[in-house]
Protein backbone atom coordinates (compact mmCIF):
# COMPACT_ATOMS: atom_id res chain seq x y z
CA MET A 1 114.67 6.97 -238.58
CA ARG A 2 112.49 9.75 -237.15
CA TRP A 3 110.53 7.24 -235.12
CA GLU A 4 113.69 5.80 -233.62
CA ASP A 5 114.72 9.30 -232.47
CA LEU A 6 111.21 9.91 -231.12
CA PHE A 7 111.20 6.63 -229.16
CA ALA A 8 114.73 7.23 -227.85
CA ASP A 9 113.65 10.67 -226.64
CA LEU A 10 110.54 9.22 -224.98
CA GLU A 11 112.66 6.55 -223.30
CA SER A 12 115.10 9.13 -221.90
CA GLN A 13 112.17 11.20 -220.61
CA TRP A 14 110.74 8.06 -218.99
CA ASP A 15 114.10 7.26 -217.35
CA ALA A 16 114.45 10.84 -216.07
CA GLU A 17 110.94 10.73 -214.58
CA GLN A 18 111.69 7.40 -212.89
CA ARG A 19 114.90 8.86 -211.36
CA ARG A 20 112.99 11.92 -210.09
CA GLU A 21 110.34 9.70 -208.49
CA LEU A 22 112.97 7.49 -206.87
CA ASP A 23 114.91 10.52 -205.58
CA ALA A 24 111.70 11.99 -204.12
CA GLU A 25 110.83 8.66 -202.46
CA VAL A 26 114.33 8.29 -200.96
CA ALA A 27 114.21 11.87 -199.64
CA ASP A 28 110.77 11.27 -198.13
CA ARG A 29 111.85 8.02 -196.46
CA THR A 30 114.98 9.71 -195.11
CA ARG A 31 112.89 12.52 -193.56
CA ARG A 32 110.49 9.98 -192.01
CA GLU A 33 113.39 7.94 -190.63
CA ARG A 34 115.09 11.01 -189.15
CA ALA A 35 111.81 11.97 -187.49
CA THR A 36 112.02 8.82 -185.35
CA VAL A 37 115.53 9.55 -184.01
CA THR A 38 115.52 10.97 -180.47
CA LEU A 39 118.13 13.05 -178.71
CA GLY A 40 118.81 9.97 -176.58
CA ASP A 41 119.54 7.98 -179.75
CA ARG A 42 121.97 10.65 -180.91
CA LEU A 43 123.65 10.80 -177.48
CA ALA A 44 123.94 7.00 -177.32
CA GLY A 45 125.65 7.05 -180.69
CA ALA A 46 128.11 9.79 -179.76
CA GLY A 47 130.88 7.25 -179.26
CA ALA A 48 134.13 8.47 -177.76
CA GLY A 49 133.62 12.04 -178.95
CA THR A 50 133.67 14.93 -176.52
CA LEU A 51 130.44 16.90 -176.29
CA ALA A 52 129.64 20.35 -174.94
CA VAL A 53 126.15 20.50 -173.43
CA THR A 54 124.38 23.74 -172.53
CA VAL A 55 121.64 23.27 -169.95
CA ARG A 56 118.64 25.39 -168.99
CA ASP A 57 120.39 27.40 -166.29
CA GLY A 58 122.85 28.62 -168.93
CA SER A 59 125.82 26.60 -167.69
CA ARG A 60 127.83 24.26 -169.88
CA VAL A 61 129.19 20.83 -169.12
CA GLY A 62 131.45 18.78 -171.30
CA GLY A 63 132.72 15.28 -171.64
CA ARG A 64 131.92 11.91 -173.12
CA VAL A 65 128.62 10.13 -172.85
CA ALA A 66 129.09 7.33 -170.33
CA ASP A 67 125.51 6.04 -170.28
CA VAL A 68 122.07 6.91 -171.65
CA GLY A 69 118.58 6.11 -170.42
CA GLU A 70 115.03 7.16 -171.06
CA GLY A 71 115.10 10.90 -170.37
CA TRP A 72 118.65 11.13 -168.96
CA PHE A 73 122.32 10.59 -169.71
CA LEU A 74 125.65 10.52 -167.87
CA LEU A 75 128.30 12.88 -169.10
CA GLY A 76 131.82 12.14 -167.89
CA GLU A 77 134.76 14.50 -167.87
CA PRO A 78 138.32 13.19 -167.52
CA GLY A 79 139.33 13.23 -163.85
CA ARG A 80 135.79 13.98 -162.63
CA ALA A 81 132.83 11.83 -161.72
CA PRO A 82 130.12 11.82 -164.38
CA CYS A 83 127.11 14.06 -163.95
CA LEU A 84 123.55 12.94 -164.54
CA VAL A 85 121.75 15.26 -166.98
CA PRO A 86 118.00 15.04 -167.67
CA THR A 87 117.51 15.37 -171.43
CA ALA A 88 114.65 17.81 -170.71
CA ALA A 89 117.26 20.18 -169.22
CA VAL A 90 119.34 20.27 -172.41
CA VAL A 91 119.27 23.48 -174.43
CA SER A 92 121.90 22.48 -177.00
CA VAL A 93 124.65 19.96 -177.70
CA THR A 94 127.73 20.46 -179.82
CA GLY A 95 130.06 17.70 -180.94
CA LEU A 96 127.46 15.08 -181.86
CA PRO A 97 128.16 13.03 -184.98
CA ALA A 98 126.02 13.83 -188.01
CA ARG A 99 124.15 10.54 -187.76
CA ALA A 100 122.93 8.36 -184.94
CA VAL A 101 124.87 5.10 -184.95
CA GLU A 102 124.30 1.75 -183.30
CA SER A 103 125.50 1.71 -179.72
CA SER A 104 125.66 -0.58 -176.75
CA LEU A 105 124.51 2.36 -174.63
CA GLY A 106 120.84 2.90 -174.02
CA ARG A 107 119.08 1.78 -170.90
CA ARG A 108 115.34 1.29 -170.93
CA PHE A 109 114.76 2.79 -167.49
CA GLY A 110 113.87 6.40 -166.87
CA LEU A 111 115.20 9.27 -164.79
CA GLY A 112 113.32 8.26 -161.63
CA TYR A 113 114.82 4.78 -161.69
CA ALA A 114 118.33 6.19 -162.14
CA LEU A 115 117.81 8.63 -159.26
CA ARG A 116 116.50 5.80 -157.06
CA ALA A 117 119.79 3.97 -157.65
CA VAL A 118 121.69 7.08 -156.53
CA SER A 119 119.41 7.28 -153.49
CA ARG A 120 120.04 3.61 -152.60
CA ASP A 121 123.77 4.25 -152.89
CA ARG A 122 123.42 7.06 -150.28
CA ALA A 123 125.93 9.11 -152.28
CA VAL A 124 126.34 12.79 -151.45
CA VAL A 125 125.34 14.80 -154.52
CA ARG A 126 125.33 18.39 -155.70
CA LEU A 127 122.07 19.18 -157.45
CA THR A 128 121.72 22.17 -159.78
CA ASP A 129 118.25 23.44 -160.66
CA VAL A 130 116.94 25.57 -163.52
CA THR A 131 117.66 28.80 -161.64
CA GLY A 132 121.33 27.89 -161.34
CA SER A 133 121.03 27.31 -157.59
CA THR A 134 122.90 24.36 -156.17
CA CYS A 135 122.31 22.34 -153.06
CA THR A 136 124.29 19.51 -151.55
CA GLY A 137 123.01 16.48 -149.71
CA THR A 138 121.71 12.95 -149.97
CA ILE A 139 118.66 11.89 -151.95
CA ASP A 140 116.27 10.49 -149.36
CA ALA A 141 113.33 9.58 -151.58
CA VAL A 142 112.36 9.58 -155.24
CA GLY A 143 108.75 9.91 -156.30
CA SER A 144 107.26 9.55 -159.75
CA ASP A 145 108.10 13.14 -160.71
CA HIS A 146 110.22 14.57 -157.89
CA LEU A 147 112.94 13.81 -155.38
CA GLU A 148 113.56 14.78 -151.76
CA LEU A 149 117.04 15.87 -150.86
CA ALA A 150 118.28 15.93 -147.25
CA GLU A 151 120.58 18.94 -147.33
CA HIS A 152 123.90 18.72 -145.49
CA ALA A 153 127.50 19.75 -145.98
CA ALA A 154 129.37 17.79 -148.62
CA ASP A 155 132.05 16.67 -146.18
CA LEU A 156 129.58 15.39 -143.55
CA PRO A 157 127.63 12.12 -143.63
CA ARG A 158 123.85 12.14 -143.79
CA ARG A 159 123.01 12.02 -140.08
CA PRO A 160 120.07 13.74 -138.39
CA GLU A 161 122.39 16.18 -136.61
CA ASN A 162 124.06 17.16 -139.92
CA VAL A 163 120.87 17.72 -141.94
CA THR A 164 120.13 21.42 -142.37
CA GLY A 165 116.89 21.01 -144.31
CA HIS A 166 114.83 19.00 -146.74
CA ARG A 167 114.27 20.12 -150.28
CA VAL A 168 111.71 18.67 -152.71
CA VAL A 169 112.72 19.17 -156.34
CA PRO A 170 110.52 18.27 -159.32
CA PHE A 171 112.31 16.38 -162.09
CA THR A 172 111.42 19.22 -164.45
CA ALA A 173 113.55 21.60 -162.35
CA ILE A 174 116.68 19.40 -162.24
CA VAL A 175 119.53 20.46 -164.51
CA LEU A 176 122.48 18.44 -163.18
CA VAL A 177 123.15 15.90 -160.46
CA ARG A 178 126.83 15.35 -159.63
CA PRO A 179 128.42 13.18 -156.99
CA VAL A 180 130.47 15.21 -154.51
C-alpha cells in the first residue's frame, strides 16, 4: 500500500512538471509570435473601430482605418476625406483591439508609392510636418525619401502664376497629408 501512495505521488509530481513545462512553452511561443506583429498589422486589424492617433507634432486625429500600407495608413473621419499618416509619425494609438486579426487591408507598397499616386492625381493637399507647420499645394515630385510640394492657395489650381514657392519635405518630417 505504501508503494502505491508513493507511485501516485510521483505521478502527480510528474504531471505537474509536465503542465509547468507546457505552460512555459506556450508563454514563450506567445511572446515570440507577438514580437512579429507590427503596428501596421494591428492597424490593418482594427476593423470598424474608431481610433485616436497622436502624432509627433502633438496633434490628434481620429477615425477608422481605411487602408494600410508599408509605413503608412489612411485614417478616415465621417464627413471628411481620409488623411495619410506615416506610421513613423505615430506617437500613440488608442482604440486598437487587443489582438491583431486577419484583414483584407494591407498593401505591400510603401509611403513613397502612395505619395506618387497622390502626385499623379494632382490633388491639392495640406501637409503637416513634425513642427506642426502646415503648407498647402500640389505634390510635384516624390523621391525615394522626400517629396516636393508646389505651394499655392487651396482654392487655386496648380498653375505657374499661382505657385508661391516650392518646399522639399523629407518623409521623416511628414506627420499628416490631407486632401483639401
